[in-house]
Amino acid sequence: MPPWGRKLARHEALDLCPVCQKGQVYALDNSYACEHAVSAEKTCTFRVGKVILQREIPKEQVLKLMTTG
């Protein structure tokens, strides 16, 4: 397991990444991000901050964004 994989293991996996269709999206400390966007070799760009314009973005809203756009 790569080093970043051990870090992701403690975070909740939400769903398949809508951008790369290969990685899982995780709820990290400050963002929701594809595992391939936070790896050493960044092969994906999916990342959404947990706070945007001083408003917390709930997990349900990110799931809706990932499924319906």
PDB file of N, CA and C in Angstrom:
ATOM      1  N   MET A   1       0.852  -1.185   0.000  1.00  0.00           N
ATOM      2  CA  MET A   1       0.000   0.000   0.000  1.00  0.00           C
ATOM      3  C   MET A   1       0.895   1.245   0.000  1.00  0.00           C
ATOM      4  N   PRO A   2       0.613   2.196  -0.900  1.00  0.00           N
ATOM      5  CA  PRO A   2       1.415   3.428  -0.916  1.00  0.00           C
ATOM      6  C   PRO A   2       1.197   4.232   0.360  1.00  0.00           C
ATOM      7  N   PRO A   3       2.158   5.102   0.712  1.00  0.00           N
ATOM      8  CA  PRO A   3       2.034   5.874   1.959  1.00  0.00           C
ATOM      9  C   PRO A   3       0.740   6.670   2.063  1.00  0.00           C
ATOM     10  N   TRP A   4       0.273   7.264   0.946  1.00  0.00           N
ATOM     11  CA  TRP A   4      -0.959   8.045   1.008  1.00  0.00           C
ATOM     12  C   TRP A   4      -2.166   7.146   1.220  1.00  0.00           C
ATOM     13  N   GLY A   5      -2.060   5.870   0.857  1.00  0.00           N
ATOM     14  CA  GLY A   5      -3.156   4.928   1.059  1.00  0.00           C
ATOM     15  C   GLY A   5      -3.423   4.677   2.527  1.00  0.00           C
ATOM     16  N   ARG A   6      -2.361   4.629   3.342  1.00  0.00           N
ATOM     17  CA  ARG A   6      -2.533   4.439   4.789  1.00  0.00           C
ATOM     18  C   ARG A   6      -3.230   5.651   5.395  1.00  0.00           C
ATOM     19  N   LYS A   7      -2.918   6.839   4.899  1.00  0.00           N
ATOM     20  CA  LYS A   7      -3.563   8.047   5.403  1.00  0.00           C
ATOM     21  C   LYS A   7      -5.050   8.062   5.050  1.00  0.00           C
ATOM     22  N   LEU A   8      -5.397   7.577   3.853  1.00  0.00           N
ATOM     23  CA  LEU A   8      -6.793   7.574   3.425  1.00  0.00           C
ATOM     24  C   LEU A   8      -7.612   6.533   4.167  1.00  0.00           C
ATOM     25  N   ALA A   9      -6.980   5.493   4.654  1.00  0.00           N
ATOM     26  CA  ALA A   9      -7.706   4.400   5.311  1.00  0.00           C
ATOM     27  C   ALA A   9      -8.496   4.889   6.530  1.00  0.00           C
ATOM     28  N   ARG A  10      -8.052   5.975   7.147  1.00  0.00           N
ATOM     29  CA  ARG A  10      -8.769   6.471   8.326  1.00  0.00           C
ATOM     30  C   ARG A  10      -9.914   7.427   7.965  1.00  0.00           C
ATOM     31  N   HIS A  11     -10.093   7.710   6.680  1.00  0.00           N
ATOM     32  CA  HIS A  11     -11.153   8.618   6.230  1.00  0.00           C
ATOM     33  C   HIS A  11     -12.279   7.841   5.553  1.00  0.00           C
ATOM     34  N   GLU A  12     -13.445   8.437   5.554  1.00  0.00           N
ATOM     35  CA  GLU A  12     -14.629   7.801   4.968  1.00  0.00           C
ATOM     36  C   GLU A  12     -14.612   7.911   3.436  1.00  0.00           C
ATOM     37  N   ALA A  13     -14.789   6.790   2.775  1.00  0.00           N
ATOM     38  CA  ALA A  13     -14.911   6.766   1.313  1.00  0.00           C
ATOM     39  C   ALA A  13     -16.362   7.072   0.957  1.00  0.00           C
ATOM     40  N   LEU A  14     -16.563   7.974  -0.016  1.00  0.00           N
ATOM     41  CA  LEU A  14     -17.924   8.378  -0.373  1.00  0.00           C
ATOM     42  C   LEU A  14     -18.446   7.643  -1.598  1.00  0.00           C
ATOM     43  N   ASP A  15     -17.717   7.690  -2.703  1.00  0.00           N
ATOM     44  CA  ASP A  15     -18.202   7.107  -3.951  1.00  0.00           C
ATOM     45  C   ASP A  15     -17.082   7.108  -4.974  1.00  0.00           C
ATOM     46  N   LEU A  16     -17.356   6.569  -6.142  1.00  0.00           N
ATOM     47  CA  LEU A  16     -16.397   6.570  -7.243  1.00  0.00           C
ATOM     48  C   LEU A  16     -16.221   7.992  -7.767  1.00  0.00           C
ATOM     49  N   CYS A  17     -15.008   8.336  -8.115  1.00  0.00           N
ATOM     50  CA  CYS A  17     -14.699   9.688  -8.589  1.00  0.00           C
ATOM     51  C   CYS A  17     -15.407   9.979  -9.912  1.00  0.00           C
ATOM     52  N   PRO A  18     -16.105  11.118 -10.018  1.00  0.00           N
ATOM     53  CA  PRO A  18     -16.795  11.463 -11.256  1.00  0.00           C
ATOM     54  C   PRO A  18     -15.850  11.958 -12.353  1.00  0.00           C
ATOM     55  N   VAL A  19     -14.621  12.310 -12.005  1.00  0.00           N
ATOM     56  CA  VAL A  19     -13.674  12.824 -13.002  1.00  0.00           C
ATOM     57  C   VAL A  19     -12.882  11.699 -13.653  1.00  0.00           C
ATOM     58  N   CYS A  20     -12.156  10.926 -12.842  1.00  0.00           N
ATOM     59  CA  CYS A  20     -11.288   9.887 -13.420  1.00  0.00           C
ATOM     60  C   CYS A  20     -11.980   8.525 -13.538  1.00  0.00           C
ATOM     61  N   GLN A  21     -13.087   8.335 -12.840  1.00  0.00           N
ATOM     62  CA  GLN A  21     -13.851   7.081 -12.861  1.00  0.00           C
ATOM     63  C   GLN A  21     -13.044   5.880 -12.364  1.00  0.00           C
ATOM     64  N   LYS A  22     -11.929   6.114 -11.669  1.00  0.00           N
ATOM     65  CA  LYS A  22     -11.090   5.010 -11.179  1.00  0.00           C
ATOM     66  C   LYS A  22     -10.934   5.032  -9.664  1.00  0.00           C
ATOM     67  N   GLY A  23     -10.758   6.206  -9.096  1.00  0.00           N
ATOM     68  CA  GLY A  23     -10.467   6.310  -7.667  1.00  0.00           C
ATOM     69  C   GLY A  23     -11.706   6.550  -6.828  1.00  0.00           C
ATOM     70  N   GLN A  24     -11.539   6.371  -5.537  1.00  0.00           N
ATOM     71  CA  GLN A  24     -12.586   6.667  -4.575  1.00  0.00           C
ATOM     72  C   GLN A  24     -12.442   8.110  -4.102  1.00  0.00           C
ATOM     73  N   VAL A  25     -13.564   8.756  -3.822  1.00  0.00           N
ATOM     74  CA  VAL A  25     -13.543  10.091  -3.233  1.00  0.00           C
ATOM     75  C   VAL A  25     -13.657   9.920  -1.726  1.00  0.00           C
ATOM     76  N   TYR A  26     -12.766  10.581  -1.001  1.00  0.00           N
ATOM     77  CA  TYR A  26     -12.713  10.485   0.454  1.00  0.00           C
ATOM     78  C   TYR A  26     -13.057  11.819   1.091  1.00  0.00           C
ATOM     79  N   ALA A  27     -13.677  11.758   2.271  1.00  0.00           N
ATOM     80  CA  ALA A  27     -13.912  12.944   3.084  1.00  0.00           C
ATOM     81  C   ALA A  27     -12.665  13.132   3.936  1.00  0.00           C
ATOM     82  N   LEU A  28     -11.795  14.060   3.535  1.00  0.00           N
ATOM     83  CA  LEU A  28     -10.555  14.327   4.246  1.00  0.00           C
ATOM     84  C   LEU A  28     -10.791  15.395   5.307  1.00  0.00           C
ATOM     85  N   ASP A  29      -9.746  15.840   5.963  1.00  0.00           N
ATOM     86  CA  ASP A  29      -9.895  16.824   7.038  1.00  0.00           C
ATOM     87  C   ASP A  29     -10.462  18.156   6.544  1.00  0.00           C
ATOM     88  N   ASN A  30      -9.961  18.659   5.416  1.00  0.00           N
ATOM     89  CA  ASN A  30     -10.377  19.980   4.915  1.00  0.00           C
ATOM     90  C   ASN A  30     -11.037  19.945   3.543  1.00  0.00           C
ATOM     91  N   SER A  31     -11.163  18.759   2.957  1.00  0.00           N
ATOM     92  CA  SER A  31     -11.735  18.683   1.615  1.00  0.00           C
ATOM     93  C   SER A  31     -12.294  17.294   1.347  1.00  0.00           C
ATOM     94  N   TYR A  32     -13.009  17.200   0.238  1.00  0.00           N
ATOM     95  CA  TYR A  32     -13.446  15.925  -0.320  1.00  0.00           C
ATOM     96  C   TYR A  32     -12.581  15.762  -1.565  1.00  0.00           C
ATOM     97  N   ALA A  33     -11.852  14.649  -1.687  1.00  0.00           N
ATOM     98  CA  ALA A  33     -10.917  14.532  -2.794  1.00  0.00           C
ATOM     99  C   ALA A  33     -10.793  13.096  -3.273  1.00  0.00           C
ATOM    100  N   CYS A  34     -10.513  12.971  -4.566  1.00  0.00           N
ATOM    101  CA  CYS A  34     -10.229  11.669  -5.167  1.00  0.00           C
ATOM    102  C   CYS A  34      -8.873  11.193  -4.647  1.00  0.00           C
ATOM    103  N   GLU A  35      -8.763   9.897  -4.430  1.00  0.00           N
ATOM    104  CA  GLU A  35      -7.494   9.353  -3.947  1.00  0.00           C
ATOM    105  C   GLU A  35      -6.362   9.616  -4.935  1.00  0.00           C
ATOM    106  N   HIS A  36      -6.676   9.746  -6.223  1.00  0.00           N
ATOM    107  CA  HIS A  36      -5.645  10.010  -7.232  1.00  0.00           C
ATOM    108  C   HIS A  36      -5.280  11.495  -7.310  1.00  0.00           C
ATOM    109  N   ALA A  37      -6.053  12.345  -6.650  1.00  0.00           N
ATOM    110  CA  ALA A  37      -5.739  13.775  -6.608  1.00  0.00           C
ATOM    111  C   ALA A  37      -4.822  14.105  -5.436  1.00  0.00           C
ATOM    112  N   VAL A  38      -4.729  13.209  -4.472  1.00  0.00           N
ATOM    113  CA  VAL A  38      -3.875  13.464  -3.308  1.00  0.00           C
ATOM    114  C   VAL A  38      -2.666  12.533  -3.255  1.00  0.00           C
ATOM    115  N   SER A  39      -2.525  11.680  -4.247  1.00  0.00           N
ATOM    116  CA  SER A  39      -1.381  10.773  -4.276  1.00  0.00           C
ATOM    117  C   SER A  39      -0.128  11.521  -4.728  1.00  0.00           C
ATOM    118  N   ALA A  40       1.013  10.877  -4.605  1.00  0.00           N
ATOM    119  CA  ALA A  40       2.281  11.489  -5.017  1.00  0.00           C
ATOM    120  C   ALA A  40       2.253  11.824  -6.510  1.00  0.00           C
ATOM    121  N   GLU A  41       1.701  10.927  -7.298  1.00  0.00           N
ATOM    122  CA  GLU A  41       1.563  11.150  -8.744  1.00  0.00           C
ATOM    123  C   GLU A  41       0.110  11.544  -9.005  1.00  0.00           C
ATOM    124  N   LYS A  42      -0.156  12.818  -9.091  1.00  0.00           N
ATOM    125  CA  LYS A  42      -1.529  13.317  -9.226  1.00  0.00           C
ATOM    126  C   LYS A  42      -2.050  13.067 -10.641  1.00  0.00           C
ATOM    127  N   THR A  43      -2.967  12.099 -10.753  1.00  0.00           N
ATOM    128  CA  THR A  43      -3.526  11.760 -12.056  1.00  0.00           C
ATOM    129  C   THR A  43      -4.997  12.155 -12.161  1.00  0.00           C
ATOM    130  N   CYS A  44      -5.506  12.867 -11.167  1.00  0.00           N
ATOM    131  CA  CYS A  44      -6.892  13.324 -11.170  1.00  0.00           C
ATOM    132  C   CYS A  44      -6.942  14.716 -10.547  1.00  0.00           C
ATOM    133  N   THR A  45      -8.003  15.448 -10.847  1.00  0.00           N
ATOM    134  CA  THR A  45      -8.113  16.818 -10.345  1.00  0.00           C
ATOM    135  C   THR A  45      -9.319  17.035  -9.429  1.00  0.00           C
ATOM    136  N   PHE A  46     -10.066  15.971  -9.096  1.00  0.00           N
ATOM    137  CA  PHE A  46     -11.285  16.167  -8.309  1.00  0.00           C
ATOM    138  C   PHE A  46     -10.958  16.476  -6.859  1.00  0.00           C
ATOM    139  N   ARG A  47     -11.339  17.671  -6.428  1.00  0.00           N
ATOM    140  CA  ARG A  47     -11.184  18.087  -5.026  1.00  0.00           C
ATOM    141  C   ARG A  47     -12.191  19.208  -4.780  1.00  0.00           C
ATOM    142  N   VAL A  48     -12.932  19.103  -3.676  1.00  0.00           N
ATOM    143  CA  VAL A  48     -13.897  20.121  -3.273  1.00  0.00           C
ATOM    144  C   VAL A  48     -13.613  20.462  -1.814  1.00  0.00           C
ATOM    145  N   GLY A  49     -13.462  21.725  -1.519  1.00  0.00           N
ATOM    146  CA  GLY A  49     -13.219  22.148  -0.146  1.00  0.00           C
ATOM    147  C   GLY A  49     -14.430  21.900   0.735  1.00  0.00           C
ATOM    148  N   LYS A  50     -14.191  21.615   2.007  1.00  0.00           N
ATOM    149  CA  LYS A  50     -15.297  21.411   2.948  1.00  0.00           C
ATOM    150  C   LYS A  50     -15.927  22.735   3.361  1.00  0.00           C
ATOM    151  N   VAL A  51     -15.206  23.833   3.162  1.00  0.00           N
ATOM    152  CA  VAL A  51     -15.732  25.166   3.456  1.00  0.00           C
ATOM    153  C   VAL A  51     -15.500  26.035   2.221  1.00  0.00           C
ATOM    154  N   ILE A  52     -16.588  26.604   1.701  1.00  0.00           N
ATOM    155  CA  ILE A  52     -16.514  27.504   0.547  1.00  0.00           C
ATOM    156  C   ILE A  52     -17.262  28.779   0.922  1.00  0.00           C
ATOM    157  N   LEU A  53     -16.593  29.915   0.791  1.00  0.00           N
ATOM    158  CA  LEU A  53     -17.165  31.210   1.163  1.00  0.00           C
ATOM    159  C   LEU A  53     -17.715  31.186   2.597  1.00  0.00           C
ATOM    160  N   GLN A  54     -16.952  30.613   3.485  1.00  0.00           N
ATOM    161  CA  GLN A  54     -17.259  30.528   4.914  1.00  0.00           C
ATOM    162  C   GLN A  54     -18.502  29.697   5.226  1.00  0.00           C
ATOM    163  N   ARG A  55     -18.909  28.863   4.282  1.00  0.00           N
ATOM    164  CA  ARG A  55     -20.055  27.970   4.511  1.00  0.00           C
ATOM    165  C   ARG A  55     -19.580  26.535   4.408  1.00  0.00           C
ATOM    166  N   GLU A  56     -19.947  25.733   5.400  1.00  0.00           N
ATOM    167  CA  GLU A  56     -19.573  24.325   5.393  1.00  0.00           C
ATOM    168  C   GLU A  56     -20.391  23.581   4.338  1.00  0.00           C
ATOM    169  N   ILE A  57     -19.721  22.762   3.556  1.00  0.00           N
ATOM    170  CA  ILE A  57     -20.371  21.972   2.513  1.00  0.00           C
ATOM    171  C   ILE A  57     -20.632  20.573   3.080  1.00  0.00           C
ATOM    172  N   PRO A  58     -21.905  20.192   3.262  1.00  0.00           N
ATOM    173  CA  PRO A  58     -22.199  18.874   3.831  1.00  0.00           C
ATOM    174  C   PRO A  58     -21.902  17.741   2.849  1.00  0.00           C
ATOM    175  N   LYS A  59     -21.629  16.590   3.413  1.00  0.00           N
ATOM    176  CA  LYS A  59     -21.318  15.399   2.619  1.00  0.00           C
ATOM    177  C   LYS A  59     -22.432  15.096   1.619  1.00  0.00           C
ATOM    178  N   GLU A  60     -23.673  15.277   2.035  1.00  0.00           N
ATOM    179  CA  GLU A  60     -24.812  14.989   1.146  1.00  0.00           C
ATOM    180  C   GLU A  60     -24.783  15.873  -0.103  1.00  0.00           C
ATOM    181  N   GLN A  61     -24.362  17.123   0.049  1.00  0.00           N
ATOM    182  CA  GLN A  61     -24.289  18.036  -1.090  1.00  0.00           C
ATOM    183  C   GLN A  61     -23.190  17.615  -2.057  1.00  0.00           C
ATOM    184  N   VAL A  62     -22.073  17.140  -1.516  1.00  0.00           N
ATOM    185  CA  VAL A  62     -20.974  16.662  -2.376  1.00  0.00           C
ATOM    186  C   VAL A  62     -21.400  15.408  -3.119  1.00  0.00           C
ATOM    187  N   LEU A  63     -22.103  14.512  -2.438  1.00  0.00           N
ATOM    188  CA  LEU A  63     -22.604  13.302  -3.116  1.00  0.00           C
ATOM    189  C   LEU A  63     -23.558  13.677  -4.250  1.00  0.00           C
ATOM    190  N   LYS A  64     -24.417  14.658  -4.026  1.00  0.00           N
ATOM    191  CA  LYS A  64     -25.338  15.130  -5.067  1.00  0.00           C
ATOM    192  C   LYS A  64     -24.559  15.728  -6.232  1.00  0.00           C
ATOM    193  N   LEU A  65     -23.552  16.530  -5.939  1.00  0.00           N
ATOM    194  CA  LEU A  65     -22.699  17.102  -6.970  1.00  0.00           C
ATOM    195  C   LEU A  65     -22.018  16.006  -7.794  1.00  0.00           C
ATOM    196  N   MET A  66     -21.558  14.963  -7.122  1.00  0.00           N
ATOM    197  CA  MET A  66     -20.866  13.883  -7.821  1.00  0.00           C
ATOM    198  C   MET A  66     -21.788  13.064  -8.714  1.00  0.00           C
ATOM    199  N   THR A  67     -23.056  12.945  -8.339  1.00  0.00           N
ATOM    200  CA  THR A  67     -23.965  12.092  -9.112  1.00  0.00           C
ATOM    201  C   THR A  67     -24.753  12.859 -10.174  1.00  0.00           C
ATOM    202  N   THR A  68     -25.146  14.099  -9.873  1.00  0.00           N
ATOM    203  CA  THR A  68     -25.990  14.830 -10.824  1.00  0.00           C
ATOM    204  C   THR A  68     -25.310  16.038 -11.445  1.00  0.00           C
ATOM    205  N   GLY A  69     -24.189  16.442 -10.890  1.00  0.00           N
ATOM    206  CA  GLY A  69     -23.466  17.590 -11.460  1.00  0.00           C
ATOM    207  C   GLY A  69     -23.870  18.909 -10.867  1.00  0.00           C
TER     208      GLY A  69
END
